[in-house]
Amino acid sequence: MILIADGGSTKVDWIALDKNKKEVFRTRTLGLNPAVVSKEELKNRIINMFQLINIKDEVSKIYFYGAGCGTPEPVKILHKVMQDVFVNAKIEIAEDLLAAVYAASQKKPAIVCILGTGSNSCYFDGTTTQMISPSLGYIIMDEASGNYFGKLLIRDFYYKRMPKNIAKTFNEEYNLDSDNIKFNLYKQPNPNMYLASFAKFMLAYKDEKYIRKLIKKGFKDFFKYRILPYKKDAKTPIYFIGSIAYFFSDILDDVATKNNLKITDIIQRPIDNLLDYHRKHIN
């Protein structure tokens, strides 16, 4: 049995294949970002999914692509956790950006970007990926991500910069008590995921001037720091992966056009494309 997993901070999509590369099942767990989730919680999130546990001894290979897997130490942590569960498996762990490259460009040169709970980008030359810099996560970077917009919404609400009609609904839909917010940010696991949960609110108000301005600011920052430094022209394909890019594609297209660039495709969930790639390339 082979497992292919595409993991963000919020969720991980898993596909199990048999020896003939036929799909056996799909499932989803909570995010397995080893940079922000403890060892114990990582293991719990895996063993609590009965479909994975039912086949744990049959799994011979795991291809895991995940948020937080861009530096050696978190990868080591997650590898140990997974090896303890899938004792007979050979485990390969790579950053979620590599999954995005495989899902989007299919090994052709392109700029590939992620806009989900977190954000990132790379230039893929057909062989290797090049990055502007390593991602330092939700506190310092993650421009235009779900957690980035969550922070802006909460801050604008508290500074009373949010239009009154939007603020009223925002307050009704979320627990905005300051103690509750601080508890979730500083005492609970996955504060990035918590912040990103607020970003869903933007969808209901995406045509409001305030929300569009907020989103455009985030996308401008993303292009400034994560795309323009590659110094590529409009001939270079640009792909985006993730729900933020997908649901606000019109604003994203507008920002790209203003930078004399063109977006080739936006993929909300890359797991199907990733499956196609592995069927072609795994033995």
C-alpha atoms as a PDB file:
ATOM      1  CA  MET A   1       0.000   0.000   0.000  1.00  0.00           C
ATOM      2  CA  ILE A   2       1.198   3.509  -0.843  1.00  0.00           C
ATOM      3  CA  LEU A   3       0.042   6.684   0.890  1.00  0.00           C
ATOM      4  CA  ILE A   4       0.211  10.109  -0.753  1.00  0.00           C
ATOM      5  CA  ALA A   5      -0.497  13.081   1.495  1.00  0.00           C
ATOM      6  CA  ASP A   6      -0.837  16.781   0.796  1.00  0.00           C
ATOM      7  CA  GLY A   7      -0.720  18.631   4.087  1.00  0.00           C
ATOM      8  CA  GLY A   8      -1.434  22.204   5.015  1.00  0.00           C
ATOM      9  CA  SER A   9      -1.563  23.590   8.532  1.00  0.00           C
ATOM     10  CA  THR A  10      -5.338  23.173   8.661  1.00  0.00           C
ATOM     11  CA  LYS A  11      -5.840  19.777   7.042  1.00  0.00           C
ATOM     12  CA  VAL A  12      -4.083  16.886   5.319  1.00  0.00           C
ATOM     13  CA  ASP A  13      -5.609  15.079   2.315  1.00  0.00           C
ATOM     14  CA  TRP A  14      -4.556  11.417   2.103  1.00  0.00           C
ATOM     15  CA  ILE A  15      -4.924   8.967  -0.784  1.00  0.00           C
ATOM     16  CA  ALA A  16      -4.141   5.261  -0.447  1.00  0.00           C
ATOM     17  CA  LEU A  17      -3.096   3.264  -3.523  1.00  0.00           C
ATOM     18  CA  ASP A  18      -2.727  -0.475  -3.892  1.00  0.00           C
ATOM     19  CA  LYS A  19       0.238  -2.158  -5.609  1.00  0.00           C
ATOM     20  CA  ASN A  20      -1.398  -1.554  -8.998  1.00  0.00           C
ATOM     21  CA  LYS A  21      -1.688   2.187  -8.274  1.00  0.00           C
ATOM     22  CA  LYS A  22      -5.454   1.959  -7.977  1.00  0.00           C
ATOM     23  CA  GLU A  23      -7.086   4.229  -5.447  1.00  0.00           C
ATOM     24  CA  VAL A  24      -8.301   2.364  -2.355  1.00  0.00           C
ATOM     25  CA  PHE A  25      -9.638   5.264  -0.313  1.00  0.00           C
ATOM     26  CA  ARG A  26      -9.306   8.946   0.528  1.00  0.00           C
ATOM     27  CA  THR A  27      -9.424  10.537   3.918  1.00  0.00           C
ATOM     28  CA  ARG A  28      -8.591  13.782   5.678  1.00  0.00           C
ATOM     29  CA  THR A  29      -6.925  14.524   9.001  1.00  0.00           C
ATOM     30  CA  LEU A  30      -6.228  17.732  10.845  1.00  0.00           C
ATOM     31  CA  GLY A  31      -3.053  19.545   9.825  1.00  0.00           C
ATOM     32  CA  LEU A  32       0.321  17.969  10.642  1.00  0.00           C
ATOM     33  CA  ASN A  33       2.592  21.000  10.653  1.00  0.00           C
ATOM     34  CA  PRO A  34       5.538  19.870  12.819  1.00  0.00           C
ATOM     35  CA  ALA A  35       6.745  23.445  13.241  1.00  0.00           C
ATOM     36  CA  VAL A  36       3.710  24.394  15.359  1.00  0.00           C
ATOM     37  CA  VAL A  37       2.145  21.113  16.532  1.00  0.00           C
ATOM     38  CA  SER A  38       3.623  18.984  19.329  1.00  0.00           C
ATOM     39  CA  LYS A  39       4.821  15.391  18.801  1.00  0.00           C
ATOM     40  CA  GLU A  40       1.986  14.022  20.904  1.00  0.00           C
ATOM     41  CA  GLU A  41      -0.652  15.937  18.970  1.00  0.00           C
ATOM     42  CA  LEU A  42       0.863  14.959  15.620  1.00  0.00           C
ATOM     43  CA  LYS A  43       0.601  11.295  16.575  1.00  0.00           C
ATOM     44  CA  ASN A  44      -2.939  11.695  17.911  1.00  0.00           C
ATOM     45  CA  ARG A  45      -4.108  13.262  14.670  1.00  0.00           C
ATOM     46  CA  ILE A  46      -2.833  10.258  12.728  1.00  0.00           C
ATOM     47  CA  ILE A  47      -3.980   7.439  15.002  1.00  0.00           C
ATOM     48  CA  ASN A  48      -7.433   8.956  15.425  1.00  0.00           C
ATOM     49  CA  MET A  49      -8.128   8.396  11.733  1.00  0.00           C
ATOM     50  CA  PHE A  50      -9.321   4.768  11.651  1.00  0.00           C
ATOM     51  CA  GLN A  51      -8.804   4.378   7.889  1.00  0.00           C
ATOM     52  CA  LEU A  52      -5.099   5.010   8.277  1.00  0.00           C
ATOM     53  CA  ILE A  53      -4.714   2.838  11.363  1.00  0.00           C
ATOM     54  CA  ASN A  54      -6.562  -0.053   9.715  1.00  0.00           C
ATOM     55  CA  ILE A  55      -3.844  -0.318   7.052  1.00  0.00           C
ATOM     56  CA  LYS A  56      -0.809   0.910   9.014  1.00  0.00           C
ATOM     57  CA  ASP A  57       1.068  -2.417   8.778  1.00  0.00           C
ATOM     58  CA  GLU A  58       0.366  -2.745   5.044  1.00  0.00           C
ATOM     59  CA  VAL A  59       1.833   0.620   4.079  1.00  0.00           C
ATOM     60  CA  SER A  60       5.193   0.227   2.329  1.00  0.00           C
ATOM     61  CA  LYS A  61       5.725   3.800   1.134  1.00  0.00           C
ATOM     62  CA  ILE A  62       4.557   7.249   2.201  1.00  0.00           C
ATOM     63  CA  TYR A  63       4.997  10.431   0.191  1.00  0.00           C
ATOM     64  CA  PHE A  64       4.158  13.279   2.551  1.00  0.00           C
ATOM     65  CA  TYR A  65       4.226  16.921   1.480  1.00  0.00           C
ATOM     66  CA  GLY A  66       3.508  19.331   4.278  1.00  0.00           C
ATOM     67  CA  ALA A  67       3.494  22.852   5.648  1.00  0.00           C
ATOM     68  CA  GLY A  68       6.330  23.357   8.128  1.00  0.00           C
ATOM     69  CA  CYS A  69       8.484  20.714   6.423  1.00  0.00           C
ATOM     70  CA  GLY A  70      10.983  23.078   4.826  1.00  0.00           C
ATOM     71  CA  THR A  71      13.736  22.763   7.456  1.00  0.00           C
ATOM     72  CA  PRO A  72      15.468  19.665   8.867  1.00  0.00           C
ATOM     73  CA  GLU A  73      14.360  19.694  12.516  1.00  0.00           C
ATOM     74  CA  PRO A  74      10.565  19.663  11.970  1.00  0.00           C
ATOM     75  CA  VAL A  75      10.996  17.009   9.263  1.00  0.00           C
ATOM     76  CA  LYS A  76      12.934  14.843  11.716  1.00  0.00           C
ATOM     77  CA  ILE A  77      10.139  15.171  14.281  1.00  0.00           C
ATOM     78  CA  LEU A  78       7.382  14.262  11.838  1.00  0.00           C
ATOM     79  CA  HIS A  79       9.394  11.392  10.353  1.00  0.00           C
ATOM     80  CA  LYS A  80       9.842   9.841  13.809  1.00  0.00           C
ATOM     81  CA  VAL A  81       6.133  10.183  14.592  1.00  0.00           C
ATOM     82  CA  MET A  82       5.107   8.590  11.309  1.00  0.00           C
ATOM     83  CA  GLN A  83       7.684   5.799  11.556  1.00  0.00           C
ATOM     84  CA  ASP A  84       6.308   4.886  14.985  1.00  0.00           C
ATOM     85  CA  VAL A  85       2.871   4.418  13.421  1.00  0.00           C
ATOM     86  CA  PHE A  86       3.685   3.021   9.970  1.00  0.00           C
ATOM     87  CA  VAL A  87       6.420   0.629  11.056  1.00  0.00           C
ATOM     88  CA  ASN A  88       6.900  -1.087   7.674  1.00  0.00           C
ATOM     89  CA  ALA A  89       6.904   2.043   5.538  1.00  0.00           C
ATOM     90  CA  LYS A  90       9.658   3.948   3.806  1.00  0.00           C
ATOM     91  CA  ILE A  91       8.759   7.580   4.452  1.00  0.00           C
ATOM     92  CA  GLU A  92       9.623  10.570   2.287  1.00  0.00           C
ATOM     93  CA  ILE A  93       8.767  14.012   3.657  1.00  0.00           C
ATOM     94  CA  ALA A  94       9.057  17.237   1.677  1.00  0.00           C
ATOM     95  CA  GLU A  95       7.744  20.772   1.883  1.00  0.00           C
ATOM     96  CA  ASP A  96       4.226  21.470   0.621  1.00  0.00           C
ATOM     97  CA  LEU A  97       5.726  23.676  -2.085  1.00  0.00           C
ATOM     98  CA  LEU A  98       7.123  20.610  -3.828  1.00  0.00           C
ATOM     99  CA  ALA A  99       3.636  19.088  -3.938  1.00  0.00           C
ATOM    100  CA  ALA A 100       2.393  22.364  -5.395  1.00  0.00           C
ATOM    101  CA  VAL A 101       5.080  22.180  -8.092  1.00  0.00           C
ATOM    102  CA  TYR A 102       4.205  18.593  -8.988  1.00  0.00           C
ATOM    103  CA  ALA A 103       0.475  19.350  -8.973  1.00  0.00           C
ATOM    104  CA  ALA A 104       0.676  22.544 -10.994  1.00  0.00           C
ATOM    105  CA  SER A 105       3.636  22.700 -13.354  1.00  0.00           C
ATOM    106  CA  GLN A 106       4.159  18.945 -13.875  1.00  0.00           C
ATOM    107  CA  LYS A 107       7.950  19.503 -13.848  1.00  0.00           C
ATOM    108  CA  LYS A 108       7.928  22.420 -16.318  1.00  0.00           C
ATOM    109  CA  PRO A 109       9.524  25.783 -15.379  1.00  0.00           C
ATOM    110  CA  ALA A 110       7.100  28.023 -13.490  1.00  0.00           C
ATOM    111  CA  ILE A 111       6.544  30.216 -10.453  1.00  0.00           C
ATOM    112  CA  VAL A 112       4.400  28.235  -8.026  1.00  0.00           C
ATOM    113  CA  CYS A 113       2.653  29.852  -5.066  1.00  0.00           C
ATOM    114  CA  ILE A 114       0.617  28.713  -2.073  1.00  0.00           C
ATOM    115  CA  LEU A 115      -2.115  30.880  -0.570  1.00  0.00           C
ATOM    116  CA  GLY A 116      -3.902  28.875   2.092  1.00  0.00           C
ATOM    117  CA  THR A 117      -3.626  28.927   5.885  1.00  0.00           C
ATOM    118  CA  GLY A 118      -0.034  30.028   5.222  1.00  0.00           C
ATOM    119  CA  SER A 119       1.697  31.296   2.098  1.00  0.00           C
ATOM    120  CA  ASN A 120       4.880  30.669   0.165  1.00  0.00           C
ATOM    121  CA  SER A 121       6.344  30.662  -3.338  1.00  0.00           C
ATOM    122  CA  CYS A 122       9.155  29.202  -5.387  1.00  0.00           C
ATOM    123  CA  TYR A 123      10.550  29.262  -8.892  1.00  0.00           C
ATOM    124  CA  PHE A 124      10.893  25.801 -10.385  1.00  0.00           C
ATOM    125  CA  ASP A 125      13.397  25.622 -13.267  1.00  0.00           C
ATOM    126  CA  GLY A 126      12.306  22.156 -14.368  1.00  0.00           C
ATOM    127  CA  THR A 127      14.704  20.381 -12.024  1.00  0.00           C
ATOM    128  CA  THR A 128      15.126  22.264  -8.771  1.00  0.00           C
ATOM    129  CA  THR A 129      13.172  24.815  -6.744  1.00  0.00           C
ATOM    130  CA  GLN A 130      14.531  28.242  -5.885  1.00  0.00           C
ATOM    131  CA  MET A 131      13.058  30.345  -3.088  1.00  0.00           C
ATOM    132  CA  ILE A 132      13.325  34.014  -2.185  1.00  0.00           C
ATOM    133  CA  SER A 133      13.981  32.953   1.410  1.00  0.00           C
ATOM    134  CA  PRO A 134      12.927  30.204   3.812  1.00  0.00           C
ATOM    135  CA  SER A 135       9.472  30.806   5.232  1.00  0.00           C
ATOM    136  CA  LEU A 136       9.521  32.025   8.830  1.00  0.00           C
ATOM    137  CA  GLY A 137       5.840  31.328   9.269  1.00  0.00           C
ATOM    138  CA  TYR A 138       2.755  33.148  10.417  1.00  0.00           C
ATOM    139  CA  ILE A 139       4.260  35.620  12.889  1.00  0.00           C
ATOM    140  CA  ILE A 140       6.761  37.238  10.513  1.00  0.00           C
ATOM    141  CA  MET A 141       5.798  36.234   6.953  1.00  0.00           C
ATOM    142  CA  ASP A 142       2.810  34.446   5.329  1.00  0.00           C
ATOM    143  CA  GLU A 143       1.659  37.482   3.335  1.00  0.00           C
ATOM    144  CA  ALA A 144      -1.897  37.172   1.932  1.00  0.00           C
ATOM    145  CA  SER A 145      -2.515  33.888   3.735  1.00  0.00           C
ATOM    146  CA  GLY A 146      -5.573  32.972   5.765  1.00  0.00           C
ATOM    147  CA  ASN A 147      -3.792  33.728   9.025  1.00  0.00           C
ATOM    148  CA  TYR A 148      -2.506  37.051   7.627  1.00  0.00           C
ATOM    149  CA  PHE A 149      -6.041  38.189   6.818  1.00  0.00           C
ATOM    150  CA  GLY A 150      -7.346  36.863  10.134  1.00  0.00           C
ATOM    151  CA  LYS A 151      -4.854  39.101  11.947  1.00  0.00           C
ATOM    152  CA  LEU A 152      -5.884  42.138   9.901  1.00  0.00           C
ATOM    153  CA  LEU A 153      -9.592  41.556  10.539  1.00  0.00           C
ATOM    154  CA  ILE A 154      -9.178  41.183  14.305  1.00  0.00           C
ATOM    155  CA  ARG A 155      -6.864  44.188  14.498  1.00  0.00           C
ATOM    156  CA  ASP A 156      -9.193  46.390  12.453  1.00  0.00           C
ATOM    157  CA  PHE A 157     -12.135  45.320  14.609  1.00  0.00           C
ATOM    158  CA  TYR A 158     -10.323  46.261  17.811  1.00  0.00           C
ATOM    159  CA  TYR A 159      -8.956  49.527  16.410  1.00  0.00           C
ATOM    160  CA  LYS A 160     -12.471  50.346  15.113  1.00  0.00           C
ATOM    161  CA  ARG A 161     -11.237  50.623  11.536  1.00  0.00           C
ATOM    162  CA  MET A 162     -13.791  48.097  10.295  1.00  0.00           C
ATOM    163  CA  PRO A 163     -17.040  49.550   8.841  1.00  0.00           C
ATOM    164  CA  LYS A 164     -19.797  49.375  11.467  1.00  0.00           C
ATOM    165  CA  ASN A 165     -22.154  47.104   9.524  1.00  0.00           C
ATOM    166  CA  ILE A 166     -19.357  44.582   8.867  1.00  0.00           C
ATOM    167  CA  ALA A 167     -18.061  44.855  12.437  1.00  0.00           C
ATOM    168  CA  LYS A 168     -21.532  44.091  13.803  1.00  0.00           C
ATOM    169  CA  THR A 169     -21.800  40.846  11.822  1.00  0.00           C
ATOM    170  CA  PHE A 170     -18.167  39.931  12.542  1.00  0.00           C
ATOM    171  CA  ASN A 171     -18.849  40.273  16.262  1.00  0.00           C
ATOM    172  CA  GLU A 172     -21.980  38.126  15.974  1.00  0.00           C
ATOM    173  CA  GLU A 173     -20.230  35.311  14.108  1.00  0.00           C
ATOM    174  CA  TYR A 174     -17.065  35.050  16.206  1.00  0.00           C
ATOM    175  CA  ASN A 175     -16.173  35.121  19.873  1.00  0.00           C
ATOM    176  CA  LEU A 176     -14.122  38.308  19.918  1.00  0.00           C
ATOM    177  CA  ASP A 177     -13.700  38.533  23.664  1.00  0.00           C
ATOM    178  CA  SER A 178     -10.077  39.602  24.206  1.00  0.00           C
ATOM    179  CA  ASP A 179      -9.387  36.845  26.743  1.00  0.00           C
ATOM    180  CA  ASN A 180     -10.703  34.233  24.323  1.00  0.00           C
ATOM    181  CA  ILE A 181      -8.547  35.537  21.484  1.00  0.00           C
ATOM    182  CA  LYS A 182      -5.408  35.604  23.641  1.00  0.00           C
ATOM    183  CA  PHE A 183      -6.151  32.111  24.972  1.00  0.00           C
ATOM    184  CA  ASN A 184      -6.354  30.732  21.410  1.00  0.00           C
ATOM    185  CA  LEU A 185      -3.266  32.609  20.263  1.00  0.00           C
ATOM    186  CA  TYR A 186      -0.970  31.941  23.186  1.00  0.00           C
ATOM    187  CA  LYS A 187      -2.265  28.870  25.028  1.00  0.00           C
ATOM    188  CA  GLN A 188      -3.670  26.595  22.312  1.00  0.00           C
ATOM    189  CA  PRO A 189      -1.990  24.584  19.528  1.00  0.00           C
ATOM    190  CA  ASN A 190      -2.195  25.860  15.937  1.00  0.00           C
ATOM    191  CA  PRO A 191      -2.603  29.624  16.467  1.00  0.00           C
ATOM    192  CA  ASN A 192      -2.033  30.041  12.720  1.00  0.00           C
ATOM    193  CA  MET A 193      -5.029  27.812  12.042  1.00  0.00           C
ATOM    194  CA  TYR A 194      -7.103  29.777  14.554  1.00  0.00           C
ATOM    195  CA  LEU A 195      -6.258  33.068  12.845  1.00  0.00           C
ATOM    196  CA  ALA A 196      -7.033  31.604   9.421  1.00  0.00           C
ATOM    197  CA  SER A 197     -10.522  30.619  10.589  1.00  0.00           C
ATOM    198  CA  PHE A 198     -11.458  34.317  10.603  1.00  0.00           C
ATOM    199  CA  ALA A 199     -10.524  34.709   6.937  1.00  0.00           C
ATOM    200  CA  LYS A 200     -13.613  32.743   5.873  1.00  0.00           C
ATOM    201  CA  PHE A 201     -15.624  35.782   6.919  1.00  0.00           C
ATOM    202  CA  MET A 202     -14.233  37.725   3.944  1.00  0.00           C
ATOM    203  CA  LEU A 203     -16.056  35.519   1.450  1.00  0.00           C
ATOM    204  CA  ALA A 204     -19.512  36.781   2.484  1.00  0.00           C
ATOM    205  CA  TYR A 205     -18.344  40.379   2.063  1.00  0.00           C
ATOM    206  CA  LYS A 206     -15.938  40.027  -0.844  1.00  0.00           C
ATOM    207  CA  ASP A 207     -17.709  42.754  -2.841  1.00  0.00           C
ATOM    208  CA  GLU A 208     -17.518  45.295  -0.013  1.00  0.00           C
ATOM    209  CA  LYS A 209     -14.966  48.068  -0.601  1.00  0.00           C
ATOM    210  CA  TYR A 210     -13.331  47.485   2.796  1.00  0.00           C
ATOM    211  CA  ILE A 211     -12.813  43.741   2.212  1.00  0.00           C
ATOM    212  CA  ARG A 212     -11.555  44.195  -1.350  1.00  0.00           C
ATOM    213  CA  LYS A 213      -9.064  46.797  -0.151  1.00  0.00           C
ATOM    214  CA  LEU A 214      -7.859  44.406   2.568  1.00  0.00           C
ATOM    215  CA  ILE A 215      -7.414  41.529   0.131  1.00  0.00           C
ATOM    216  CA  LYS A 216      -5.721  43.696  -2.477  1.00  0.00           C
ATOM    217  CA  LYS A 217      -3.225  44.939   0.119  1.00  0.00           C
ATOM    218  CA  GLY A 218      -2.333  41.347   1.003  1.00  0.00           C
ATOM    219  CA  PHE A 219      -1.948  40.298  -2.630  1.00  0.00           C
ATOM    220  CA  LYS A 220       0.201  43.355  -3.406  1.00  0.00           C
ATOM    221  CA  ASP A 221       2.489  42.444  -0.511  1.00  0.00           C
ATOM    222  CA  PHE A 222       2.663  38.855  -1.714  1.00  0.00           C
ATOM    223  CA  PHE A 223       3.709  39.914  -5.210  1.00  0.00           C
ATOM    224  CA  LYS A 224       6.209  42.412  -3.772  1.00  0.00           C
ATOM    225  CA  TYR A 225       7.963  39.909  -1.515  1.00  0.00           C
ATOM    226  CA  ARG A 226       7.227  36.525  -3.058  1.00  0.00           C
ATOM    227  CA  ILE A 227       6.942  36.908  -6.849  1.00  0.00           C
ATOM    228  CA  LEU A 228       8.579  40.061  -8.230  1.00  0.00           C
ATOM    229  CA  PRO A 229      12.056  39.270  -6.773  1.00  0.00           C
ATOM    230  CA  TYR A 230      12.299  36.273  -9.143  1.00  0.00           C
ATOM    231  CA  LYS A 231      12.492  38.859 -11.963  1.00  0.00           C
ATOM    232  CA  LYS A 232      10.460  36.823 -14.441  1.00  0.00           C
ATOM    233  CA  ASP A 233       8.306  38.234 -17.220  1.00  0.00           C
ATOM    234  CA  ALA A 234       4.793  37.385 -18.400  1.00  0.00           C
ATOM    235  CA  LYS A 235       6.092  34.408 -20.411  1.00  0.00           C
ATOM    236  CA  THR A 236       6.775  32.506 -17.179  1.00  0.00           C
ATOM    237  CA  PRO A 237       3.711  30.522 -16.050  1.00  0.00           C
ATOM    238  CA  ILE A 238       2.448  31.402 -12.567  1.00  0.00           C
ATOM    239  CA  TYR A 239       0.372  28.903 -10.599  1.00  0.00           C
ATOM    240  CA  PHE A 240      -1.466  29.390  -7.335  1.00  0.00           C
ATOM    241  CA  ILE A 241      -2.574  26.673  -4.943  1.00  0.00           C
ATOM    242  CA  GLY A 242      -5.085  27.157  -2.123  1.00  0.00           C
ATOM    243  CA  SER A 243      -8.505  28.474  -1.147  1.00  0.00           C
ATOM    244  CA  ILE A 244      -7.485  32.113  -0.613  1.00  0.00           C
ATOM    245  CA  ALA A 245      -6.240  32.338  -4.206  1.00  0.00           C
ATOM    246  CA  TYR A 246      -9.228  30.366  -5.504  1.00  0.00           C
ATOM    247  CA  PHE A 247     -12.028  32.332  -3.856  1.00  0.00           C
ATOM    248  CA  PHE A 248     -10.515  35.757  -4.514  1.00  0.00           C
ATOM    249  CA  SER A 249      -9.147  35.001  -7.972  1.00  0.00           C
ATOM    250  CA  ASP A 250     -10.574  38.150  -9.584  1.00  0.00           C
ATOM    251  CA  ILE A 251      -8.617  40.401  -7.221  1.00  0.00           C
ATOM    252  CA  LEU A 252      -5.512  38.216  -7.629  1.00  0.00           C
ATOM    253  CA  ASP A 253      -5.766  38.480 -11.426  1.00  0.00           C
ATOM    254  CA  ASP A 254      -6.083  42.255 -11.155  1.00  0.00           C
ATOM    255  CA  VAL A 255      -2.940  42.558  -9.005  1.00  0.00           C
ATOM    256  CA  ALA A 256      -1.042  40.273 -11.396  1.00  0.00           C
ATOM    257  CA  THR A 257      -2.096  42.375 -14.408  1.00  0.00           C
ATOM    258  CA  LYS A 258      -0.964  45.579 -12.694  1.00  0.00           C
ATOM    259  CA  ASN A 259       2.457  43.926 -12.320  1.00  0.00           C
ATOM    260  CA  ASN A 260       2.486  42.959 -16.028  1.00  0.00           C
ATOM    261  CA  LEU A 261       2.159  39.274 -15.161  1.00  0.00           C
ATOM    262  CA  LYS A 262      -0.450  36.637 -15.949  1.00  0.00           C
ATOM    263  CA  ILE A 263      -1.722  33.803 -13.764  1.00  0.00           C
ATOM    264  CA  THR A 264      -1.778  30.496 -15.634  1.00  0.00           C
ATOM    265  CA  ASP A 265      -4.008  28.530 -13.270  1.00  0.00           C
ATOM    266  CA  ILE A 266      -5.416  28.470  -9.739  1.00  0.00           C
ATOM    267  CA  ILE A 267      -5.933  25.087  -8.081  1.00  0.00           C
ATOM    268  CA  GLN A 268      -8.017  24.966  -4.924  1.00  0.00           C
ATOM    269  CA  ARG A 269      -7.064  21.425  -3.871  1.00  0.00           C
ATOM    270  CA  PRO A 270      -3.986  19.901  -5.517  1.00  0.00           C
ATOM    271  CA  ILE A 271      -4.424  16.313  -4.341  1.00  0.00           C
ATOM    272  CA  ASP A 272      -5.899  14.984  -7.644  1.00  0.00           C
ATOM    273  CA  ASN A 273      -3.098  16.538  -9.692  1.00  0.00           C
ATOM    274  CA  LEU A 274      -0.587  15.179  -7.194  1.00  0.00           C
ATOM    275  CA  LEU A 275      -2.107  11.722  -7.578  1.00  0.00           C
ATOM    276  CA  ASP A 276      -1.727  11.912 -11.377  1.00  0.00           C
ATOM    277  CA  TYR A 277       1.903  12.936 -10.999  1.00  0.00           C
ATOM    278  CA  HIS A 278       2.720  10.015  -8.699  1.00  0.00           C
ATOM    279  CA  ARG A 279       0.949   7.489 -10.879  1.00  0.00           C
ATOM    280  CA  LYS A 280       3.234   8.529 -13.709  1.00  0.00           C
ATOM    281  CA  HIS A 281       6.444   8.674 -11.728  1.00  0.00           C
ATOM    282  CA  ILE A 282       6.385   6.145  -8.862  1.00  0.00           C
ATOM    283  CA  ASN A 283       7.507   2.556  -9.454  1.00  0.00           C
END
